Amino acid sequence: MSSLVRHVTIDCSDAYTLASFWAQVLDAKLADDDKPGDPEAVVDSPGASLLFLQVPEGKTVKNRIHLDLRPLDRTRDEEVERVIALGATLVDDRRRPDGTGWAVLTDPEGNEFCVERSQAEHEATQRPAE
């Protein structure tokens, strides 16, 4: 039998605080036993489980892996504004005038992630089949 991905693990300086941010972004919850000061925290969401591990060193370079978010019940631009209000920072705006593209943001500890168009937005820009 093959392996399954159990968690996507993110190193950070404050596991509980960063996990709390991502729980809000993903409309998910922290594990019941996670509390402030814990060296690890888990966010379980329908798409993926995120494990945040406290490490002594800070982030120094661009992530080699990142999350791509697709909003379920709002537009890409509404989602960008929502996550900025939660504490994210817009670092590279790749949205195009025709509605395509994405936005690159960072979480409160500087980890990059992208917000793509919703499924409805994607379908609205598809060309009809000939």
N, C-alpha and C. Protein backbone atom coordinates (compact mmCIF):
# COMPACT_ATOMS: atom_id res chain seq x y z
N MET A 1 0.83 -1.17 0.00
CA MET A 1 0.00 0.00 0.00
C MET A 1 0.88 1.24 0.00
N SER A 2 0.44 2.28 -0.66
CA SER A 2 1.22 3.52 -0.71
C SER A 2 1.01 4.34 0.56
N SER A 3 1.78 5.39 0.70
CA SER A 3 1.66 6.29 1.85
C SER A 3 0.64 7.38 1.58
N LEU A 4 0.13 7.96 2.65
CA LEU A 4 -0.77 9.10 2.57
C LEU A 4 -0.12 10.29 3.28
N VAL A 5 -0.38 11.49 2.81
CA VAL A 5 0.10 12.68 3.50
C VAL A 5 -0.79 12.88 4.71
N ARG A 6 -0.21 12.87 5.89
CA ARG A 6 -0.98 13.05 7.12
C ARG A 6 -1.13 14.52 7.46
N HIS A 7 -0.04 15.28 7.37
CA HIS A 7 -0.05 16.70 7.65
C HIS A 7 0.83 17.41 6.64
N VAL A 8 0.53 18.66 6.41
CA VAL A 8 1.49 19.59 5.82
C VAL A 8 2.06 20.32 7.03
N THR A 9 3.37 20.23 7.23
CA THR A 9 4.01 20.77 8.43
C THR A 9 4.69 22.09 8.13
N ILE A 10 4.46 23.06 9.00
CA ILE A 10 4.99 24.41 8.83
C ILE A 10 5.79 24.76 10.08
N ASP A 11 7.09 25.05 9.90
CA ASP A 11 7.91 25.51 11.00
C ASP A 11 7.56 26.96 11.30
N CYS A 12 7.61 27.34 12.57
CA CYS A 12 7.23 28.70 12.95
C CYS A 12 7.80 29.04 14.32
N SER A 13 7.68 30.29 14.72
CA SER A 13 8.18 30.70 16.03
C SER A 13 7.10 30.62 17.11
N ASP A 14 5.82 30.67 16.73
CA ASP A 14 4.72 30.59 17.70
C ASP A 14 3.63 29.71 17.10
N ALA A 15 3.68 28.43 17.42
CA ALA A 15 2.78 27.44 16.81
C ALA A 15 1.31 27.77 17.05
N TYR A 16 0.94 28.08 18.27
CA TYR A 16 -0.47 28.31 18.59
C TYR A 16 -1.01 29.56 17.86
N THR A 17 -0.24 30.63 17.87
CA THR A 17 -0.70 31.87 17.23
C THR A 17 -0.83 31.70 15.73
N LEU A 18 0.17 31.08 15.09
CA LEU A 18 0.10 30.90 13.65
C LEU A 18 -1.00 29.91 13.27
N ALA A 19 -1.16 28.86 14.05
CA ALA A 19 -2.24 27.90 13.80
C ALA A 19 -3.60 28.58 13.96
N SER A 20 -3.72 29.48 14.91
CA SER A 20 -4.98 30.22 15.10
C SER A 20 -5.30 31.07 13.88
N PHE A 21 -4.29 31.73 13.30
CA PHE A 21 -4.49 32.51 12.07
C PHE A 21 -5.01 31.60 10.97
N TRP A 22 -4.34 30.47 10.75
CA TRP A 22 -4.73 29.56 9.67
C TRP A 22 -6.08 28.92 9.92
N ALA A 23 -6.43 28.67 11.18
CA ALA A 23 -7.76 28.14 11.49
C ALA A 23 -8.84 29.14 11.04
N GLN A 24 -8.60 30.42 11.25
CA GLN A 24 -9.55 31.44 10.79
C GLN A 24 -9.60 31.49 9.27
N VAL A 25 -8.44 31.46 8.62
CA VAL A 25 -8.40 31.50 7.16
C VAL A 25 -9.19 30.33 6.57
N LEU A 26 -9.01 29.15 7.12
CA LEU A 26 -9.62 27.94 6.58
C LEU A 26 -10.99 27.63 7.17
N ASP A 27 -11.47 28.51 8.04
CA ASP A 27 -12.75 28.27 8.73
C ASP A 27 -12.74 26.87 9.35
N ALA A 28 -11.64 26.60 10.05
CA ALA A 28 -11.43 25.30 10.67
C ALA A 28 -11.20 25.52 12.16
N LYS A 29 -10.80 24.47 12.86
CA LYS A 29 -10.53 24.64 14.28
C LYS A 29 -9.21 23.99 14.66
N LEU A 30 -8.67 24.49 15.75
CA LEU A 30 -7.48 23.89 16.32
C LEU A 30 -7.87 22.59 17.01
N ALA A 31 -6.91 21.71 17.16
CA ALA A 31 -7.15 20.49 17.91
C ALA A 31 -7.57 20.86 19.33
N ASP A 32 -8.43 20.06 19.93
CA ASP A 32 -8.98 20.36 21.25
C ASP A 32 -7.92 20.53 22.33
N ASP A 33 -6.79 19.86 22.21
CA ASP A 33 -5.77 19.94 23.25
C ASP A 33 -4.70 21.01 22.99
N ASP A 34 -4.83 21.82 21.93
CA ASP A 34 -3.87 22.88 21.66
C ASP A 34 -4.19 24.10 22.51
N LYS A 35 -3.11 24.74 23.02
CA LYS A 35 -3.29 25.93 23.84
C LYS A 35 -2.09 26.86 23.66
N PRO A 36 -2.23 28.14 24.03
CA PRO A 36 -1.11 29.08 23.90
C PRO A 36 0.15 28.54 24.58
N GLY A 37 1.28 28.72 23.89
CA GLY A 37 2.56 28.27 24.41
C GLY A 37 2.95 26.86 24.01
N ASP A 38 2.03 26.09 23.45
CA ASP A 38 2.36 24.74 23.01
C ASP A 38 3.40 24.81 21.88
N PRO A 39 4.33 23.86 21.83
CA PRO A 39 5.35 23.87 20.78
C PRO A 39 4.83 23.33 19.44
N GLU A 40 3.61 22.80 19.45
CA GLU A 40 3.00 22.37 18.20
C GLU A 40 1.49 22.57 18.29
N ALA A 41 0.88 22.75 17.14
CA ALA A 41 -0.57 22.92 17.07
C ALA A 41 -1.05 22.38 15.73
N VAL A 42 -2.27 21.84 15.73
CA VAL A 42 -2.83 21.21 14.53
C VAL A 42 -4.12 21.90 14.14
N VAL A 43 -4.24 22.18 12.84
CA VAL A 43 -5.49 22.69 12.27
C VAL A 43 -6.02 21.61 11.34
N ASP A 44 -7.18 21.08 11.67
CA ASP A 44 -7.82 20.08 10.82
C ASP A 44 -8.88 20.78 9.99
N SER A 45 -8.75 20.66 8.68
CA SER A 45 -9.74 21.23 7.77
C SER A 45 -10.07 20.17 6.72
N PRO A 46 -11.19 20.32 6.03
CA PRO A 46 -11.56 19.32 5.03
C PRO A 46 -10.52 19.12 3.94
N GLY A 47 -9.77 20.16 3.57
CA GLY A 47 -8.81 20.04 2.49
C GLY A 47 -7.49 19.41 2.92
N ALA A 48 -7.01 19.74 4.12
CA ALA A 48 -5.72 19.25 4.57
C ALA A 48 -5.58 19.51 6.06
N SER A 49 -4.74 18.73 6.70
CA SER A 49 -4.41 18.96 8.10
C SER A 49 -3.07 19.68 8.12
N LEU A 50 -3.00 20.79 8.84
CA LEU A 50 -1.76 21.56 8.95
C LEU A 50 -1.19 21.39 10.35
N LEU A 51 0.07 21.05 10.42
CA LEU A 51 0.77 20.90 11.69
C LEU A 51 1.79 22.02 11.80
N PHE A 52 1.70 22.81 12.85
CA PHE A 52 2.63 23.92 13.09
C PHE A 52 3.58 23.52 14.20
N LEU A 53 4.88 23.59 13.90
CA LEU A 53 5.92 23.20 14.85
C LEU A 53 6.78 24.40 15.19
N GLN A 54 6.95 24.65 16.48
CA GLN A 54 7.81 25.74 16.92
C GLN A 54 9.26 25.33 16.74
N VAL A 55 10.04 26.20 16.08
CA VAL A 55 11.47 25.96 15.88
C VAL A 55 12.24 27.19 16.33
N PRO A 56 13.51 27.03 16.69
CA PRO A 56 14.27 28.18 17.21
C PRO A 56 14.70 29.18 16.12
N GLU A 57 14.90 28.71 14.91
CA GLU A 57 15.38 29.60 13.85
C GLU A 57 14.21 30.26 13.13
N GLY A 58 14.46 31.47 12.63
CA GLY A 58 13.44 32.19 11.89
C GLY A 58 13.48 31.85 10.41
N LYS A 59 12.46 32.26 9.69
CA LYS A 59 12.40 32.06 8.24
C LYS A 59 13.40 33.00 7.59
N THR A 60 14.19 32.48 6.64
CA THR A 60 15.21 33.31 6.02
C THR A 60 15.09 33.43 4.51
N VAL A 61 14.43 32.49 3.86
CA VAL A 61 14.31 32.51 2.40
C VAL A 61 12.89 32.18 1.98
N LYS A 62 12.63 32.30 0.69
CA LYS A 62 11.32 31.97 0.14
C LYS A 62 10.99 30.50 0.40
N ASN A 63 9.70 30.25 0.67
CA ASN A 63 9.26 28.86 0.88
C ASN A 63 9.56 28.02 -0.36
N ARG A 64 9.91 26.78 -0.15
CA ARG A 64 10.07 25.83 -1.25
C ARG A 64 8.75 25.15 -1.57
N ILE A 65 7.78 25.26 -0.67
CA ILE A 65 6.45 24.73 -0.86
C ILE A 65 5.48 25.76 -0.27
N HIS A 66 4.32 25.90 -0.88
CA HIS A 66 3.34 26.84 -0.32
C HIS A 66 1.93 26.34 -0.59
N LEU A 67 0.97 26.94 0.08
CA LEU A 67 -0.43 26.57 -0.08
C LEU A 67 -1.08 27.47 -1.13
N ASP A 68 -1.93 26.89 -1.95
CA ASP A 68 -2.78 27.63 -2.89
C ASP A 68 -4.21 27.50 -2.39
N LEU A 69 -4.85 28.62 -2.11
CA LEU A 69 -6.22 28.61 -1.61
C LEU A 69 -7.19 28.94 -2.73
N ARG A 70 -8.30 28.23 -2.77
CA ARG A 70 -9.40 28.53 -3.70
C ARG A 70 -10.63 28.78 -2.85
N PRO A 71 -11.15 30.02 -2.83
CA PRO A 71 -12.32 30.31 -2.02
C PRO A 71 -13.54 29.50 -2.49
N LEU A 72 -14.34 29.09 -1.51
CA LEU A 72 -15.53 28.30 -1.82
C LEU A 72 -16.77 29.16 -1.99
N ASP A 73 -16.93 30.16 -1.15
CA ASP A 73 -18.19 30.89 -1.14
C ASP A 73 -18.00 32.41 -1.28
N ARG A 74 -16.90 32.82 -1.85
CA ARG A 74 -16.64 34.23 -2.12
C ARG A 74 -15.70 34.32 -3.31
N THR A 75 -15.52 35.52 -3.83
CA THR A 75 -14.61 35.71 -4.96
C THR A 75 -13.17 35.72 -4.47
N ARG A 76 -12.27 35.60 -5.40
CA ARG A 76 -10.84 35.69 -5.08
C ARG A 76 -10.54 37.01 -4.39
N ASP A 77 -11.04 38.12 -4.95
CA ASP A 77 -10.74 39.43 -4.38
C ASP A 77 -11.34 39.61 -2.99
N GLU A 78 -12.52 39.08 -2.77
CA GLU A 78 -13.12 39.12 -1.43
C GLU A 78 -12.28 38.31 -0.45
N GLU A 79 -11.77 37.17 -0.91
CA GLU A 79 -10.94 36.33 -0.04
C GLU A 79 -9.62 37.00 0.28
N VAL A 80 -9.02 37.67 -0.70
CA VAL A 80 -7.77 38.40 -0.45
C VAL A 80 -8.01 39.45 0.63
N GLU A 81 -9.08 40.22 0.52
CA GLU A 81 -9.38 41.25 1.52
C GLU A 81 -9.64 40.63 2.89
N ARG A 82 -10.33 39.50 2.93
CA ARG A 82 -10.64 38.83 4.19
C ARG A 82 -9.37 38.37 4.90
N VAL A 83 -8.46 37.72 4.16
CA VAL A 83 -7.26 37.20 4.82
C VAL A 83 -6.30 38.33 5.20
N ILE A 84 -6.32 39.42 4.45
CA ILE A 84 -5.53 40.60 4.86
C ILE A 84 -6.06 41.13 6.19
N ALA A 85 -7.38 41.18 6.33
CA ALA A 85 -7.99 41.65 7.58
C ALA A 85 -7.64 40.73 8.75
N LEU A 86 -7.36 39.45 8.47
CA LEU A 86 -6.98 38.50 9.51
C LEU A 86 -5.50 38.60 9.88
N GLY A 87 -4.70 39.33 9.09
CA GLY A 87 -3.29 39.49 9.40
C GLY A 87 -2.32 39.14 8.30
N ALA A 88 -2.81 38.73 7.14
CA ALA A 88 -1.93 38.42 6.00
C ALA A 88 -1.46 39.73 5.35
N THR A 89 -0.42 39.62 4.54
CA THR A 89 0.13 40.76 3.80
C THR A 89 0.20 40.40 2.32
N LEU A 90 -0.29 41.29 1.48
CA LEU A 90 -0.18 41.10 0.02
C LEU A 90 1.24 41.45 -0.39
N VAL A 91 1.94 40.50 -1.05
CA VAL A 91 3.33 40.73 -1.45
C VAL A 91 3.54 40.73 -2.96
N ASP A 92 2.63 40.14 -3.71
CA ASP A 92 2.77 40.10 -5.17
C ASP A 92 1.38 39.92 -5.77
N ASP A 93 0.90 40.96 -6.44
CA ASP A 93 -0.45 40.92 -7.02
C ASP A 93 -0.35 40.51 -8.48
N ARG A 94 -0.76 39.28 -8.76
CA ARG A 94 -0.70 38.75 -10.12
C ARG A 94 -2.09 38.64 -10.73
N ARG A 95 -3.04 39.40 -10.18
CA ARG A 95 -4.39 39.44 -10.75
C ARG A 95 -4.35 40.28 -12.02
N ARG A 96 -5.05 39.81 -13.06
CA ARG A 96 -5.05 40.49 -14.35
C ARG A 96 -6.39 41.17 -14.60
N PRO A 97 -6.40 42.19 -15.46
CA PRO A 97 -7.64 42.91 -15.74
C PRO A 97 -8.77 42.02 -16.27
N ASP A 98 -8.43 40.91 -16.94
CA ASP A 98 -9.47 40.03 -17.47
C ASP A 98 -10.06 39.09 -16.42
N GLY A 99 -9.62 39.22 -15.15
CA GLY A 99 -10.16 38.40 -14.07
C GLY A 99 -9.35 37.17 -13.76
N THR A 100 -8.36 36.84 -14.57
CA THR A 100 -7.52 35.68 -14.30
C THR A 100 -6.41 36.07 -13.33
N GLY A 101 -5.58 35.12 -12.99
CA GLY A 101 -4.44 35.40 -12.12
C GLY A 101 -4.71 35.08 -10.66
N TRP A 102 -3.78 35.45 -9.81
CA TRP A 102 -3.83 35.12 -8.40
C TRP A 102 -3.12 36.20 -7.60
N ALA A 103 -3.22 36.11 -6.30
CA ALA A 103 -2.52 37.02 -5.39
C ALA A 103 -1.61 36.21 -4.49
N VAL A 104 -0.40 36.71 -4.29
CA VAL A 104 0.56 36.08 -3.38
C VAL A 104 0.57 36.89 -2.09
N LEU A 105 0.36 36.18 -0.99
CA LEU A 105 0.33 36.82 0.32
C LEU A 105 1.30 36.11 1.25
N THR A 106 1.54 36.70 2.42
CA THR A 106 2.29 36.02 3.46
C THR A 106 1.44 35.99 4.72
N ASP A 107 1.61 34.92 5.50
CA ASP A 107 0.93 34.84 6.79
C ASP A 107 1.70 35.70 7.79
N PRO A 108 1.25 35.80 9.03
CA PRO A 108 1.93 36.68 10.00
C PRO A 108 3.40 36.36 10.27
N GLU A 109 3.86 35.16 9.93
CA GLU A 109 5.28 34.84 10.10
C GLU A 109 6.06 34.87 8.79
N GLY A 110 5.44 35.35 7.71
CA GLY A 110 6.15 35.52 6.45
C GLY A 110 6.10 34.36 5.50
N ASN A 111 5.30 33.33 5.78
CA ASN A 111 5.18 32.18 4.87
C ASN A 111 4.26 32.55 3.71
N GLU A 112 4.74 32.32 2.49
CA GLU A 112 3.97 32.67 1.30
C GLU A 112 2.83 31.70 1.06
N PHE A 113 1.72 32.23 0.53
CA PHE A 113 0.62 31.42 0.05
C PHE A 113 -0.10 32.21 -1.03
N CYS A 114 -0.88 31.53 -1.85
CA CYS A 114 -1.58 32.18 -2.95
C CYS A 114 -3.09 32.04 -2.79
N VAL A 115 -3.81 33.04 -3.29
CA VAL A 115 -5.26 32.96 -3.37
C VAL A 115 -5.62 32.99 -4.85
N GLU A 116 -6.26 31.92 -5.30
CA GLU A 116 -6.68 31.78 -6.69
C GLU A 116 -8.14 32.18 -6.83
N ARG A 117 -8.62 32.15 -8.06
CA ARG A 117 -10.04 32.41 -8.32
C ARG A 117 -10.90 31.28 -7.79
N SER A 118 -12.14 31.61 -7.45
CA SER A 118 -13.09 30.58 -7.04
C SER A 118 -13.43 29.72 -8.25
N GLN A 119 -14.05 28.57 -8.01
CA GLN A 119 -14.48 27.71 -9.11
C GLN A 119 -15.45 28.45 -10.03
N ALA A 120 -16.38 29.20 -9.44
CA ALA A 120 -17.35 29.95 -10.25
C ALA A 120 -16.65 30.99 -11.12
N GLU A 121 -15.66 31.68 -10.58
CA GLU A 121 -14.92 32.67 -11.38
C GLU A 121 -14.14 31.98 -12.49
N HIS A 122 -13.56 30.84 -12.18
CA HIS A 122 -12.82 30.08 -13.18
C HIS A 122 -13.74 29.66 -14.33
N GLU A 123 -14.89 29.11 -13.97
CA GLU A 123 -15.84 28.67 -14.99
C GLU A 123 -16.37 29.82 -15.83
N ALA A 124 -16.54 30.99 -15.24
CA ALA A 124 -17.07 32.15 -15.95
C ALA A 124 -16.12 32.66 -17.03
N THR A 125 -14.83 32.36 -16.90
CA THR A 125 -13.85 32.84 -17.88
C THR A 125 -13.45 31.77 -18.89
N GLN A 126 -14.02 30.58 -18.76
CA GLN A 126 -13.70 29.51 -19.71
C GLN A 126 -14.40 29.76 -21.04
N ARG A 127 -13.72 29.44 -22.10
CA ARG A 127 -14.30 29.57 -23.42
C ARG A 127 -15.23 28.40 -23.68
N PRO A 128 -16.37 28.65 -24.29
CA PRO A 128 -17.28 27.52 -24.60
C PRO A 128 -16.63 26.57 -25.58
N ALA A 129 -16.92 25.29 -25.43
CA ALA A 129 -16.38 24.27 -26.33
C ALA A 129 -17.00 24.43 -27.71
N GLU A 130 -16.19 24.22 -28.71
CA GLU A 130 -16.70 24.34 -30.10
C GLU A 130 -17.01 22.99 -30.66
